[in-house]
Amino acid sequence: MNIFRTKSIEQSIADADEPGRKLKRSLSTWDLMIMGVAVAVGAGIFSVGAKAAANFAGPAVTISFAIAAVTCALAIMCYAEFATAIPVAGSAYVFTYATMGEVLAWIIGWNLILELFTAAAVIAKYWGIYLSTVFGLMGVDMPPSVSVGGVDLYWGAFLIVAIFTVLLVLGTKLSARVGNVFTLIKIAVVLFVIVVGFSYVKFSNYTPFVPASQPTDSGAADVMKQSFFGFLTGAAPAQYGTLGVFAGAALVFFAFIGFDVVATSAEEVKNPQKTLPRGIFGGLAVVTLLYILVSLALTGMVSYTQLAEVKNPTLTTAFEAVGNTDAAKVIAFGSLVGLTTVIMVLLMGLSRVVLAMSRDGLLPRSLSKTSEKRSTPARLQIICGAAVAIVAGVTKVDLLEEMINIGTLSAFVMVSLGILVLRKKRPDLKPAFRVPFGKVLPWVSAILCLYLMTNLAVETWIFFAIWLVIGMVIYFSYGQRHSRLNEKFASAKSAVNGAAGSNQSKGDEDEDTYTKV
C-alpha cells in the first residue's frame, strides 16, 4: 500500500479537461483581485482587529497585522508559483498531491475543507446577526433567530447561503460580477471608517504601544485559552507583551484567509500564468493597506483598555465610545455588505476543493460532475450550500472560529515546503512566477506559518487533532481504496503478478521495479 504515491502534473492538467467534470475559464485579473479583497475585507476588518487589540496586542495590533500580512505574502508567493505551474482547481491539495504524496494531500484537502466550511458557516451566522442589527438601527425589531422545537434557528444564515448557492450554480462569472459590486461598496465604507476615524485620533491612546505582559484574570482556568506555544514553554496564561503581539497576529490571520481561496479558482482563470500572480498580489496589497490604516484609526480613537471592557469589541464599539452613532450605523451596514461577499467566495472555494478530491476518487466521484450548460459543479455546490446553511443555522459554530486559522496555516506550511520539493523533482518546469531568493523565502514562510499555528489556543489544537483523526479514518476506510491512483497501481501490480506466473525470476525483477515506482 503506497500512501505516498504522487500524481503527475500532466495528469492533473489532463483530469481538468475530463468531459463532464470541466470548469469554464472566465475570470480576469480584475476579477481575481476583487475576489481576494471580497473574501478578506469582511469579518477581519470589522471585528477581529478590535478583538486582537483588546485582548492580545493593544495598539501594537498594527504590528500584528503587518506580521500576518508578511506571512501571508510569503505563502502566497509559493501558491502563485504552484498555480502557474499547475493551473487547476484544488489549490494546496493539488500542489501537495504532485509533490509530497497522496496521504499528505488528503490531510491538506481535509484541512482546507475544515477552513472553508467552518469559515463559511461562522460568517453566514454573523451575517444574520448583523442583518438584525441593521434592522434595529432602522427601528425595526427583527430577532436574528427564531425558536423551532426548542432549537434556535438563525434564519439569516439560511437566506444568504441560499442566495449565493444559486448564483454560483448559475455561473462563476455572474457571481464574480455581483461580488464586484458588493466589494466596491464595502471598500467605500472602509475608506469612510479610516477618514472619520482619524479625525478622532488621540496620540495618547497609542501609549504604551506594546502593553506590558500581564496574567489573565482567570489564571490557571485559562490554560485551554492560552497559546499552544505558551503551554509548551510552561508560561502562565497571560496577555499583551511581545507574545501578545504574535498571538494577535495568529488571530488576525483570519483576515487574510481569502488569498488561498483565490488560488482554488486557477482552473477558471483566463491566461492563469499571468493573471493569477497579478490578481493575488494586487488584492493582497490593497487589503494590507486598508487593514493597517483601520487598525491605526481604531487604536487611536479609543484606548485598548476601553475595548477590553467589552465582551466582543468591534469597530462599532470604538465609534460609539466617541459618541458618533451615525458612523456606527454606516459600519453596521458595511459589516453586512462585507460579510456578504466573503460567504460567496468561501462557498465557491469549498466546492472547488471537494471537486478536485472527488475527481481523484478520494471522495465519491459523482460529486465532481459539472453542468453541461454552465460548466459549474451544480450538484456539489448545492450540497455544500445546504451543509453550510444547516450548520450555521442551528449550531454554535462560532465557537470554532480559530479552527479556520489552523486549517489555513497548515496548508500554507505544506505549500511552502512543497515548492522546494517541486523544484527538485521537476527542474524542467518553468512557471511564469517563481518565489525570489531561491530556497530562503519558502523556508521562512513555512517557519512563520508554523510559529503562528503554535500561537493559537490549546483547545484549538485539541479540536484540530480530533478533526485529523476523523479525516484519517475516512481516508483509510474509503479514500485510499477508491483513489484513481490506487486503481492504476493495482493494475500495474496485477500485470507484474501475471508476468510472474510465466517467469518467476523476471517477475521478481518487475516487482522490484514496481516497488521503486
Protein backbone atom coordinates (compact mmCIF):
# COMPACT_ATOMS: atom_id res chain seq x y z
CA MET A 1 0.00 0.00 0.00
CA ASN A 2 1.80 3.11 -1.25
CA ILE A 3 0.12 6.05 0.50
CA PHE A 4 2.88 8.43 -0.57
CA ARG A 5 2.29 7.96 -4.30
CA THR A 6 2.23 11.22 -6.22
CA LYS A 7 0.05 12.39 -9.08
CA SER A 8 1.90 13.85 -12.04
CA ILE A 9 1.32 17.46 -13.06
CA GLU A 10 0.46 16.32 -16.57
CA GLN A 11 -2.24 14.01 -15.19
CA SER A 12 -3.70 16.80 -13.01
CA ILE A 13 -3.98 19.07 -16.05
CA ALA A 14 -5.46 16.26 -18.15
CA ASP A 15 -8.07 15.47 -15.47
CA ALA A 16 -9.13 19.13 -15.53
CA ASP A 17 -10.20 18.62 -19.16
CA GLU A 18 -12.20 15.46 -18.48
CA PRO A 19 -15.63 15.74 -20.19
CA GLY A 20 -18.44 16.28 -17.70
CA ARG A 21 -16.01 17.42 -14.99
CA LYS A 22 -14.57 20.52 -16.65
CA LEU A 23 -14.80 24.13 -15.45
CA LYS A 24 -15.01 27.20 -17.69
CA ARG A 25 -12.16 29.74 -17.84
CA SER A 26 -13.88 33.11 -17.49
CA LEU A 27 -12.10 35.14 -14.76
CA SER A 28 -9.75 38.09 -15.41
CA THR A 29 -7.00 39.74 -13.33
CA TRP A 30 -9.55 42.29 -12.09
CA ASP A 31 -11.97 39.52 -11.10
CA LEU A 32 -9.25 37.75 -9.08
CA MET A 33 -8.07 40.94 -7.41
CA ILE A 34 -11.62 41.84 -6.41
CA MET A 35 -12.22 38.26 -5.28
CA GLY A 36 -9.25 38.45 -2.90
CA VAL A 37 -10.45 41.78 -1.50
CA ALA A 38 -14.02 40.43 -1.35
CA VAL A 39 -13.16 37.46 0.84
CA ALA A 40 -10.59 39.26 3.02
CA VAL A 41 -12.32 42.58 3.73
CA GLY A 42 -15.12 41.32 5.92
CA ALA A 43 -15.19 39.91 9.43
CA GLY A 44 -11.46 40.50 9.79
CA ILE A 45 -11.51 44.26 9.37
CA PHE A 46 -14.81 44.89 11.18
CA SER A 47 -14.38 42.73 14.28
CA VAL A 48 -11.24 40.58 14.60
CA GLY A 49 -8.87 43.58 14.66
CA ALA A 50 -10.72 45.13 17.61
CA LYS A 51 -10.69 41.81 19.47
CA ALA A 52 -6.95 41.38 18.90
CA ALA A 53 -6.24 44.92 20.13
CA ALA A 54 -8.42 44.49 23.22
CA ASN A 55 -7.22 41.09 24.37
CA PHE A 56 -3.75 40.49 22.92
CA ALA A 57 -1.71 43.30 21.37
CA GLY A 58 -3.10 46.71 22.33
CA PRO A 59 -2.07 49.47 19.87
CA ALA A 60 0.60 47.07 18.54
CA VAL A 61 -2.20 45.25 16.73
CA THR A 62 -0.89 47.21 13.73
CA ILE A 63 2.31 45.16 14.02
CA SER A 64 0.17 42.03 14.37
CA PHE A 65 -1.49 42.84 11.05
CA ALA A 66 1.91 43.51 9.47
CA ILE A 67 3.27 40.15 10.69
CA ALA A 68 0.17 38.35 9.40
CA ALA A 69 0.45 40.19 6.07
CA VAL A 70 4.13 39.29 5.59
CA THR A 71 3.42 35.65 6.48
CA CYS A 72 0.52 35.59 4.05
CA ALA A 73 2.57 37.28 1.31
CA LEU A 74 5.38 34.71 1.60
CA ALA A 75 2.94 31.81 1.47
CA ILE A 76 1.00 33.38 -1.40
CA MET A 77 4.25 33.64 -3.40
CA CYS A 78 4.53 29.86 -3.09
CA TYR A 79 0.86 29.50 -4.09
CA ALA A 80 1.47 31.69 -7.15
CA GLU A 81 4.45 29.59 -8.30
CA PHE A 82 2.42 26.40 -7.87
CA ALA A 83 -0.70 27.83 -9.51
CA THR A 84 1.19 28.95 -12.62
CA ALA A 85 2.80 25.50 -12.87
CA ILE A 86 -0.43 23.55 -12.15
CA PRO A 87 -3.39 25.82 -13.11
CA VAL A 88 -6.22 23.54 -11.94
CA ALA A 89 -8.84 23.63 -9.18
CA GLY A 90 -7.94 22.34 -5.74
CA SER A 91 -5.23 24.74 -4.57
CA ALA A 92 -2.93 23.35 -1.85
CA TYR A 93 -4.48 19.89 -2.14
CA VAL A 94 -3.43 19.54 -5.80
CA PHE A 95 0.00 21.04 -5.13
CA THR A 96 0.68 18.61 -2.28
CA TYR A 97 -0.53 15.63 -4.34
CA ALA A 98 2.02 16.47 -7.03
CA THR A 99 4.92 16.80 -4.60
CA MET A 100 4.53 15.01 -1.27
CA GLY A 101 2.12 12.19 -1.94
CA GLU A 102 -1.49 11.13 -1.56
CA VAL A 103 -1.84 10.81 2.21
CA LEU A 104 -0.40 14.29 2.84
CA ALA A 105 -2.57 15.67 0.01
CA TRP A 106 -5.61 14.16 1.71
CA ILE A 107 -4.65 15.77 5.02
CA ILE A 108 -4.29 19.17 3.37
CA GLY A 109 -7.53 18.76 1.39
CA TRP A 110 -9.28 17.72 4.59
CA ASN A 111 -7.86 20.80 6.37
CA LEU A 112 -8.98 23.06 3.51
CA ILE A 113 -12.49 21.67 3.88
CA LEU A 114 -12.23 22.49 7.60
CA GLU A 115 -11.09 26.03 6.84
CA LEU A 116 -13.60 26.85 4.12
CA PHE A 117 -16.61 25.07 5.61
CA THR A 118 -16.11 26.48 9.11
CA ALA A 119 -15.41 29.98 7.77
CA ALA A 120 -18.49 29.95 5.54
CA ALA A 121 -20.71 28.71 8.39
CA VAL A 122 -19.30 31.13 11.00
CA ILE A 123 -19.59 34.14 8.71
CA ALA A 124 -23.07 33.17 7.50
CA LYS A 125 -24.17 33.14 11.14
CA TYR A 126 -22.55 36.54 11.77
CA TRP A 127 -24.27 37.85 8.65
CA GLY A 128 -27.67 37.00 10.08
CA ILE A 129 -26.80 38.71 13.36
CA TYR A 130 -25.55 41.84 11.56
CA LEU A 131 -28.73 41.88 9.46
CA SER A 132 -30.81 42.09 12.65
CA THR A 133 -28.52 44.89 13.88
CA VAL A 134 -29.10 46.88 10.68
CA PHE A 135 -32.86 46.42 11.01
CA GLY A 136 -32.62 47.53 14.63
CA LEU A 137 -30.80 50.73 13.63
CA MET A 138 -33.72 51.45 11.28
CA GLY A 139 -36.19 50.95 14.12
CA VAL A 140 -37.36 47.51 13.01
CA ASP A 141 -37.25 44.71 15.58
CA MET A 142 -36.01 41.65 13.69
CA PRO A 143 -34.54 38.96 16.01
CA PRO A 144 -31.56 37.06 14.49
CA SER A 145 -33.06 33.72 15.41
CA VAL A 146 -36.41 32.05 15.91
CA SER A 147 -37.15 29.09 18.17
CA VAL A 148 -38.23 25.95 16.33
CA GLY A 149 -38.89 22.92 18.53
CA GLY A 150 -36.68 24.36 21.25
CA VAL A 151 -33.80 24.96 18.83
CA ASP A 152 -32.62 28.48 17.95
CA LEU A 153 -32.76 28.78 14.16
CA TYR A 154 -30.64 31.60 12.65
CA TRP A 155 -32.76 32.29 9.59
CA GLY A 156 -30.36 34.88 8.12
CA ALA A 157 -27.70 32.20 7.56
CA PHE A 158 -30.14 30.12 5.51
CA LEU A 159 -31.14 33.15 3.45
CA ILE A 160 -27.66 34.37 2.44
CA VAL A 161 -26.24 30.89 1.77
CA ALA A 162 -29.25 30.03 -0.42
CA ILE A 163 -28.86 33.21 -2.48
CA PHE A 164 -25.18 32.70 -3.24
CA THR A 165 -25.53 28.98 -3.81
CA VAL A 166 -28.00 29.77 -6.58
CA LEU A 167 -25.70 32.42 -8.05
CA LEU A 168 -22.71 30.05 -8.04
CA VAL A 169 -24.76 27.34 -9.72
CA LEU A 170 -25.74 29.81 -12.46
CA GLY A 171 -22.09 30.65 -13.21
CA THR A 172 -18.78 31.79 -11.71
CA LYS A 173 -18.58 34.91 -13.89
CA LEU A 174 -22.09 36.04 -12.86
CA SER A 175 -21.19 35.51 -9.21
CA ALA A 176 -17.99 37.50 -9.70
CA ARG A 177 -19.93 40.44 -11.18
CA VAL A 178 -22.32 40.52 -8.24
CA GLY A 179 -19.36 40.23 -5.87
CA ASN A 180 -17.59 43.14 -7.59
CA VAL A 181 -20.49 45.48 -6.84
CA PHE A 182 -20.66 44.49 -3.15
CA THR A 183 -16.88 44.72 -2.81
CA LEU A 184 -16.69 48.26 -4.18
CA ILE A 185 -19.42 49.29 -1.73
CA LYS A 186 -17.60 47.87 1.28
CA ILE A 187 -14.28 49.42 0.22
CA ALA A 188 -16.09 52.77 0.22
CA VAL A 189 -17.35 52.04 3.75
CA VAL A 190 -13.84 51.11 4.91
CA LEU A 191 -12.43 54.35 3.47
CA PHE A 192 -15.19 56.21 5.32
CA VAL A 193 -14.14 54.48 8.57
CA ILE A 194 -10.50 55.46 8.01
CA VAL A 195 -11.21 59.11 7.20
CA VAL A 196 -13.74 59.65 10.00
CA GLY A 197 -11.78 57.54 12.48
CA PHE A 198 -8.58 59.55 12.08
CA SER A 199 -10.50 62.72 12.93
CA TYR A 200 -10.95 61.31 16.48
CA VAL A 201 -7.38 60.07 16.98
CA LYS A 202 -5.61 60.99 20.24
CA PHE A 203 -1.92 60.12 20.20
CA SER A 204 -2.03 59.37 23.93
CA ASN A 205 -4.08 56.27 23.08
CA TYR A 206 -1.05 54.77 21.31
CA THR A 207 0.86 54.69 24.62
CA PRO A 208 2.07 52.18 25.62
CA PHE A 209 2.32 50.89 22.07
CA VAL A 210 3.18 47.37 23.27
CA PRO A 211 1.44 46.95 26.67
CA ALA A 212 3.40 45.07 29.32
CA SER A 213 2.59 41.39 29.65
CA GLN A 214 0.16 40.65 32.48
CA PRO A 215 -1.53 37.49 33.83
CA THR A 216 -5.08 36.87 32.72
CA ASP A 217 -7.86 37.35 35.27
CA SER A 218 -8.80 33.68 35.45
CA GLY A 219 -5.22 32.42 35.87
CA ALA A 220 -4.95 28.63 35.57
CA ALA A 221 -8.53 28.38 34.33
CA ASP A 222 -7.35 29.99 31.09
CA VAL A 223 -4.91 27.19 30.20
CA MET A 224 -7.19 25.95 27.40
CA LYS A 225 -7.42 29.50 26.05
CA GLN A 226 -3.71 30.31 26.20
CA SER A 227 -1.44 29.87 23.19
CA PHE A 228 -0.08 26.41 22.47
CA PHE A 229 3.43 27.94 22.46
CA GLY A 230 2.88 29.32 25.96
CA PHE A 231 1.58 25.94 27.11
CA LEU A 232 4.62 24.10 25.68
CA THR A 233 7.07 26.53 27.31
CA GLY A 234 5.31 26.35 30.66
CA ALA A 235 4.40 30.03 30.73
CA ALA A 236 1.49 31.12 32.92
CA PRO A 237 -1.60 32.28 30.98
CA ALA A 238 -1.02 35.94 30.11
CA GLN A 239 -1.96 38.67 27.65
CA TYR A 240 -0.17 41.56 25.94
CA GLY A 241 3.61 41.87 25.70
CA THR A 242 5.67 40.56 22.78
CA LEU A 243 3.94 37.17 22.83
CA GLY A 244 0.64 39.03 22.77
CA VAL A 245 1.62 40.72 19.51
CA PHE A 246 2.27 37.31 17.92
CA ALA A 247 -0.92 35.87 19.43
CA GLY A 248 -2.73 38.84 17.91
CA ALA A 249 -1.09 38.07 14.55
CA ALA A 250 -2.33 34.47 14.78
CA LEU A 251 -5.86 35.77 15.42
CA VAL A 252 -5.94 38.48 12.73
CA PHE A 253 -4.54 35.99 10.23
CA PHE A 254 -8.24 35.14 9.89
CA ALA A 255 -8.46 38.40 7.94
CA PHE A 256 -6.11 37.08 5.25
CA ILE A 257 -7.61 33.66 4.55
CA GLY A 258 -9.12 34.80 1.26
CA PHE A 259 -5.99 34.61 -0.81
CA ASP A 260 -5.52 30.85 -0.69
CA VAL A 261 -9.19 30.61 -1.71
CA VAL A 262 -8.39 32.67 -4.81
CA ALA A 263 -5.84 30.04 -5.82
CA THR A 264 -8.62 27.42 -5.88
CA SER A 265 -10.09 29.25 -8.90
CA ALA A 266 -6.96 28.63 -11.04
CA GLU A 267 -8.91 26.39 -13.39
CA GLU A 268 -11.45 29.14 -14.10
CA VAL A 269 -8.93 31.88 -14.91
CA LYS A 270 -8.10 33.16 -18.37
CA ASN A 271 -4.33 33.04 -19.03
CA PRO A 272 -3.54 31.81 -15.48
CA GLN A 273 0.26 32.13 -15.83
CA LYS A 274 -0.05 35.95 -15.85
CA THR A 275 -3.49 36.53 -14.36
CA LEU A 276 -3.06 34.59 -11.09
CA PRO A 277 0.06 36.33 -9.70
CA ARG A 278 -1.20 39.79 -10.68
CA GLY A 279 -4.66 39.24 -9.23
CA ILE A 280 -3.48 37.67 -5.97
CA PHE A 281 -0.73 40.17 -5.18
CA GLY A 282 -2.82 43.16 -6.23
CA GLY A 283 -5.60 42.12 -3.86
CA LEU A 284 -3.16 41.43 -1.01
CA ALA A 285 -1.57 44.88 -1.36
CA VAL A 286 -4.94 46.65 -1.21
CA VAL A 287 -6.13 44.62 1.79
CA THR A 288 -2.92 45.07 3.79
CA LEU A 289 -3.00 48.84 3.34
CA LEU A 290 -6.66 49.01 4.43
CA TYR A 291 -6.06 46.82 7.48
CA ILE A 292 -3.11 48.83 8.76
CA LEU A 293 -4.93 52.16 8.32
CA VAL A 294 -8.07 50.85 10.05
CA SER A 295 -6.07 49.42 12.97
CA LEU A 296 -4.27 52.76 13.42
CA ALA A 297 -7.58 54.62 13.40
CA LEU A 298 -9.19 52.12 15.79
CA THR A 299 -6.50 52.18 18.48
CA GLY A 300 -6.04 55.94 18.11
CA MET A 301 -9.73 56.68 18.66
CA VAL A 302 -10.08 54.82 21.96
CA SER A 303 -7.72 53.18 24.41
CA TYR A 304 -7.31 49.43 24.06
CA THR A 305 -8.38 49.20 27.72
CA GLN A 306 -11.82 50.57 26.77
CA LEU A 307 -12.12 47.95 24.04
CA ALA A 308 -11.13 45.26 26.56
CA GLU A 309 -14.11 46.17 28.76
CA VAL A 310 -16.48 44.97 26.02
CA LYS A 311 -17.03 41.23 25.58
CA ASN A 312 -16.92 41.25 21.77
CA PRO A 313 -15.49 44.62 20.66
CA THR A 314 -15.84 45.77 17.05
CA LEU A 315 -15.25 48.95 15.05
CA THR A 316 -18.76 49.98 16.07
CA THR A 317 -17.63 49.85 19.72
CA ALA A 318 -14.96 52.48 19.02
CA PHE A 319 -17.32 54.89 17.24
CA GLU A 320 -19.98 54.54 19.94
CA ALA A 321 -17.28 55.30 22.54
CA VAL A 322 -16.54 58.66 20.87
CA GLY A 323 -20.26 59.41 20.50
CA ASN A 324 -20.57 59.06 16.72
CA THR A 325 -23.65 56.84 16.41
CA ASP A 326 -24.21 57.81 12.77
CA ALA A 327 -20.82 56.34 11.84
CA ALA A 328 -21.76 53.25 13.85
CA LYS A 329 -24.79 52.79 11.59
CA VAL A 330 -22.63 53.08 8.48
CA ILE A 331 -20.24 50.48 9.90
CA ALA A 332 -23.09 48.10 10.69
CA PHE A 333 -24.24 48.38 7.07
CA GLY A 334 -20.65 47.98 5.85
CA SER A 335 -20.20 44.89 8.00
CA LEU A 336 -23.29 43.34 6.47
CA VAL A 337 -22.13 44.08 2.92
CA GLY A 338 -18.60 42.99 3.78
CA LEU A 339 -19.64 39.59 5.07
CA THR A 340 -21.89 39.04 2.05
CA THR A 341 -19.09 38.66 -0.50
CA VAL A 342 -16.93 36.65 1.92
CA ILE A 343 -19.62 33.98 2.06
CA MET A 344 -19.82 33.82 -1.73
CA VAL A 345 -16.08 33.25 -2.27
CA LEU A 346 -15.84 30.71 0.57
CA LEU A 347 -18.74 28.67 -0.83
CA MET A 348 -17.04 28.65 -4.23
CA GLY A 349 -13.67 27.66 -2.77
CA LEU A 350 -15.22 24.85 -0.70
CA SER A 351 -16.91 23.28 -3.72
CA ARG A 352 -13.69 23.50 -5.82
CA VAL A 353 -11.59 21.69 -3.22
CA VAL A 354 -14.18 18.92 -2.86
CA LEU A 355 -14.44 18.76 -6.67
CA ALA A 356 -10.67 18.20 -7.01
CA MET A 357 -10.66 15.49 -4.32
CA SER A 358 -13.64 13.70 -5.84
CA ARG A 359 -12.06 13.77 -9.32
CA ASP A 360 -9.20 11.77 -7.80
CA GLY A 361 -11.57 9.29 -6.17
CA LEU A 362 -10.65 10.22 -2.60
CA LEU A 363 -14.26 11.35 -2.23
CA PRO A 364 -17.18 9.92 -4.27
CA ARG A 365 -16.58 10.57 -7.99
CA SER A 366 -20.22 11.57 -8.52
CA LEU A 367 -19.52 14.84 -6.70
CA SER A 368 -17.18 16.07 -9.45
CA LYS A 369 -19.75 16.18 -12.26
CA THR A 370 -20.33 19.63 -13.75
CA SER A 371 -23.31 21.12 -15.54
CA GLU A 372 -23.15 20.75 -19.34
CA LYS A 373 -24.76 24.15 -19.89
CA ARG A 374 -22.87 26.31 -17.38
CA SER A 375 -19.79 24.21 -16.57
CA THR A 376 -20.32 24.62 -12.82
CA PRO A 377 -20.44 21.79 -10.23
CA ALA A 378 -24.14 22.42 -9.63
CA ARG A 379 -24.92 19.30 -7.59
CA LEU A 380 -21.83 19.71 -5.41
CA GLN A 381 -22.46 23.43 -4.91
CA ILE A 382 -25.98 22.71 -3.67
CA ILE A 383 -24.72 20.01 -1.28
CA CYS A 384 -22.05 22.34 0.11
CA GLY A 385 -24.54 25.19 0.45
CA ALA A 386 -27.07 23.02 2.26
CA ALA A 387 -24.47 21.69 4.69
CA VAL A 388 -23.13 25.18 5.48
CA ALA A 389 -26.65 26.58 5.94
CA ILE A 390 -27.67 23.81 8.36
CA VAL A 391 -24.53 24.07 10.49
CA ALA A 392 -24.64 27.89 10.52
CA GLY A 393 -28.37 27.98 11.20
CA VAL A 394 -28.71 25.53 14.08
CA THR A 395 -25.30 25.08 15.81
CA LYS A 396 -22.86 27.17 17.86
CA VAL A 397 -20.31 27.01 15.04
CA ASP A 398 -18.82 30.39 16.05
CA LEU A 399 -17.09 28.61 18.95
CA LEU A 400 -14.78 27.01 16.37
CA GLU A 401 -13.63 30.31 14.87
CA GLU A 402 -9.90 29.63 15.41
CA MET A 403 -10.21 26.32 13.53
CA ILE A 404 -10.32 28.41 10.36
CA ASN A 405 -6.84 29.77 11.03
CA ILE A 406 -5.21 26.46 11.92
CA GLY A 407 -6.61 24.82 8.78
CA THR A 408 -5.28 27.66 6.62
CA LEU A 409 -1.84 27.80 8.25
CA SER A 410 -1.33 24.03 7.97
CA ALA A 411 -2.00 24.29 4.23
CA PHE A 412 0.41 27.23 3.98
CA VAL A 413 3.18 25.18 5.63
CA MET A 414 2.76 22.32 3.16
CA VAL A 415 2.63 24.59 0.12
CA SER A 416 5.77 26.45 1.23
CA LEU A 417 7.69 23.19 1.65
CA GLY A 418 6.09 21.74 -1.46
CA ILE A 419 7.71 24.39 -3.67
CA LEU A 420 11.14 23.11 -2.64
CA VAL A 421 10.12 19.55 -3.48
CA LEU A 422 8.60 20.59 -6.82
CA ARG A 423 11.76 22.38 -7.92
CA LYS A 424 13.87 19.33 -7.07
CA LYS A 425 11.55 16.78 -8.70
CA ARG A 426 10.68 18.83 -11.79
CA PRO A 427 13.56 21.18 -12.68
CA ASP A 428 12.23 21.16 -16.26
CA LEU A 429 9.17 23.21 -15.23
CA LYS A 430 9.33 26.92 -15.98
CA PRO A 431 6.38 28.54 -14.15
CA ALA A 432 5.58 32.15 -15.07
CA PHE A 433 6.19 33.21 -11.46
CA ARG A 434 8.95 31.97 -9.14
CA VAL A 435 9.45 32.83 -5.47
CA PRO A 436 12.58 35.02 -5.29
CA PHE A 437 15.74 34.32 -3.24
CA GLY A 438 15.83 30.61 -4.03
CA LYS A 439 15.16 28.33 -1.05
CA VAL A 440 15.26 31.06 1.60
CA LEU A 441 11.73 32.55 1.36
CA PRO A 442 9.86 29.20 1.17
CA TRP A 443 11.64 28.09 4.36
CA VAL A 444 10.92 31.42 6.08
CA SER A 445 7.26 31.12 5.03
CA ALA A 446 6.93 27.59 6.44
CA ILE A 447 8.59 28.52 9.75
CA LEU A 448 6.49 31.67 10.20
CA CYS A 449 3.24 29.82 9.46
CA LEU A 450 4.18 27.02 11.86
CA TYR A 451 5.03 29.56 14.57
CA LEU A 452 1.69 31.34 14.13
CA MET A 453 -0.02 27.94 14.44
CA THR A 454 1.64 27.47 17.85
CA ASN A 455 0.21 30.83 18.94
CA LEU A 456 -3.34 29.53 18.59
CA ALA A 457 -5.17 28.30 21.68
CA VAL A 458 -4.59 24.88 23.24
CA GLU A 459 -8.25 23.95 22.76
CA THR A 460 -7.92 24.77 19.04
CA TRP A 461 -5.10 22.24 18.74
CA ILE A 462 -7.20 19.63 20.54
CA PHE A 463 -10.14 20.17 18.14
CA PHE A 464 -7.65 20.10 15.24
CA ALA A 465 -6.26 16.74 16.37
CA ILE A 466 -9.78 15.30 16.55
CA TRP A 467 -10.51 16.60 13.03
CA LEU A 468 -7.32 14.94 11.70
CA VAL A 469 -8.22 11.60 13.32
CA ILE A 470 -11.66 11.70 11.68
CA GLY A 471 -10.01 12.53 8.36
CA MET A 472 -7.55 9.64 8.56
CA VAL A 473 -10.37 7.20 9.37
CA ILE A 474 -12.23 8.35 6.23
CA TYR A 475 -9.07 8.14 4.11
CA PHE A 476 -8.12 4.59 5.09
CA SER A 477 -11.71 3.31 5.04
CA TYR A 478 -12.69 4.93 1.71
CA GLY A 479 -10.27 7.31 0.01
CA GLN A 480 -7.20 5.09 -0.17
CA ARG A 481 -9.12 2.17 -1.71
CA HIS A 482 -11.12 4.28 -4.19
CA SER A 483 -8.26 6.53 -5.27
CA ARG A 484 -7.80 6.60 -9.05
CA LEU A 485 -4.06 6.32 -8.50
CA ASN A 486 -4.72 3.21 -6.43
CA GLU A 487 -6.53 1.69 -9.41
CA LYS A 488 -3.54 2.40 -11.65
CA PHE A 489 -1.08 0.97 -9.16
CA ALA A 490 -3.31 -2.10 -8.70
CA SER A 491 -3.40 -2.63 -12.48
CA ALA A 492 0.37 -2.32 -12.65
CA LYS A 493 0.79 -4.81 -9.82
CA SER A 494 -1.66 -7.23 -11.45
CA ALA A 495 0.37 -7.10 -14.65
CA VAL A 496 3.54 -7.82 -12.68
CA ASN A 497 1.91 -10.79 -10.93
CA GLY A 498 0.69 -12.14 -14.27
CA ALA A 499 4.18 -11.99 -15.67
CA ALA A 500 5.45 -13.73 -12.55
CA GLY A 501 3.26 -16.76 -13.28
CA SER A 502 5.09 -17.42 -16.56
CA ASN A 503 8.57 -16.37 -15.49
CA GLN A 504 9.26 -16.20 -11.74
CA SER A 505 12.68 -14.62 -11.97
CA LYS A 506 11.51 -11.98 -14.43
CA GLY A 507 8.51 -11.35 -12.20
CA ASP A 508 10.75 -10.69 -9.23
CA GLU A 509 12.61 -8.04 -11.24
CA ASP A 510 9.32 -6.44 -12.31
CA GLU A 511 8.03 -6.41 -8.74
CA ASP A 512 11.17 -4.66 -7.66
CA THR A 513 10.65 -2.12 -10.42
CA TYR A 514 7.02 -1.50 -9.36
CA THR A 515 8.06 -1.02 -5.74
CA LYS A 516 10.53 1.64 -6.78
CA VAL A 517 7.82 3.40 -8.74
